[in-house]
Amino acid sequence: METVILLLLAIVVIWILFRPVTKKELDRYNDKDNWSNMGF
């Protein structure tokens, strides 16, 4: 049971971290010239 909870938690965290959230992030994500907009 503990393994299932940890696996679900890991999937949720990865989904939150790797999806573009806001309109600005979506534009940055879809932009062809991505290197200038990486936020460094």
C-alpha atoms as a PDB file:
ATOM      1  CA  MET A   1       0.000   0.000   0.000  1.00  0.00           C
ATOM      2  CA  GLU A   2       2.837   2.372   0.853  1.00  0.00           C
ATOM      3  CA  THR A   3       4.456   1.701  -2.535  1.00  0.00           C
ATOM      4  CA  VAL A   4       1.255   2.655  -4.364  1.00  0.00           C
ATOM      5  CA  ILE A   5       1.008   5.945  -2.453  1.00  0.00           C
ATOM      6  CA  LEU A   6       4.645   6.813  -3.160  1.00  0.00           C
ATOM      7  CA  LEU A   7       4.237   5.959  -6.852  1.00  0.00           C
ATOM      8  CA  LEU A   8       1.128   8.137  -7.183  1.00  0.00           C
ATOM      9  CA  LEU A   9       2.863  10.989  -5.360  1.00  0.00           C
ATOM     10  CA  ALA A  10       5.870  10.747  -7.693  1.00  0.00           C
ATOM     11  CA  ILE A  11       3.595  10.788 -10.773  1.00  0.00           C
ATOM     12  CA  VAL A  12       1.731  13.875  -9.509  1.00  0.00           C
ATOM     13  CA  VAL A  13       4.968  15.744  -8.724  1.00  0.00           C
ATOM     14  CA  ILE A  14       6.454  14.918 -12.148  1.00  0.00           C
ATOM     15  CA  TRP A  15       3.208  15.972 -13.877  1.00  0.00           C
ATOM     16  CA  ILE A  16       3.206  19.313 -12.029  1.00  0.00           C
ATOM     17  CA  LEU A  17       6.888  19.996 -12.710  1.00  0.00           C
ATOM     18  CA  PHE A  18       6.940  19.142 -16.415  1.00  0.00           C
ATOM     19  CA  ARG A  19       3.707  20.682 -17.725  1.00  0.00           C
ATOM     20  CA  PRO A  20       3.599  24.284 -18.927  1.00  0.00           C
ATOM     21  CA  VAL A  21       1.105  26.049 -16.664  1.00  0.00           C
ATOM     22  CA  THR A  22       0.536  29.683 -17.594  1.00  0.00           C
ATOM     23  CA  LYS A  23      -0.021  31.359 -20.971  1.00  0.00           C
ATOM     24  CA  LYS A  24       3.486  32.837 -20.778  1.00  0.00           C
ATOM     25  CA  GLU A  25       4.992  29.409 -20.158  1.00  0.00           C
ATOM     26  CA  LEU A  26       2.919  27.907 -22.984  1.00  0.00           C
ATOM     27  CA  ASP A  27       4.187  30.587 -25.376  1.00  0.00           C
ATOM     28  CA  ARG A  28       7.742  29.939 -24.218  1.00  0.00           C
ATOM     29  CA  TYR A  29       7.200  26.185 -24.557  1.00  0.00           C
ATOM     30  CA  ASN A  30       5.863  26.506 -28.121  1.00  0.00           C
ATOM     31  CA  ASP A  31       8.430  29.090 -29.248  1.00  0.00           C
ATOM     32  CA  LYS A  32      10.886  27.819 -31.866  1.00  0.00           C
ATOM     33  CA  ASP A  33      13.688  30.052 -30.529  1.00  0.00           C
ATOM     34  CA  ASN A  34      13.604  28.496 -27.086  1.00  0.00           C
ATOM     35  CA  TRP A  35      17.136  29.259 -25.894  1.00  0.00           C
ATOM     36  CA  SER A  36      16.599  32.975 -25.334  1.00  0.00           C
ATOM     37  CA  ASN A  37      13.512  32.349 -23.188  1.00  0.00           C
ATOM     38  CA  MET A  38      14.714  29.622 -20.848  1.00  0.00           C
ATOM     39  CA  GLY A  39      14.752  32.009 -17.859  1.00  0.00           C
ATOM     40  CA  PHE A  40      18.443  31.843 -17.012  1.00  0.00           C
END
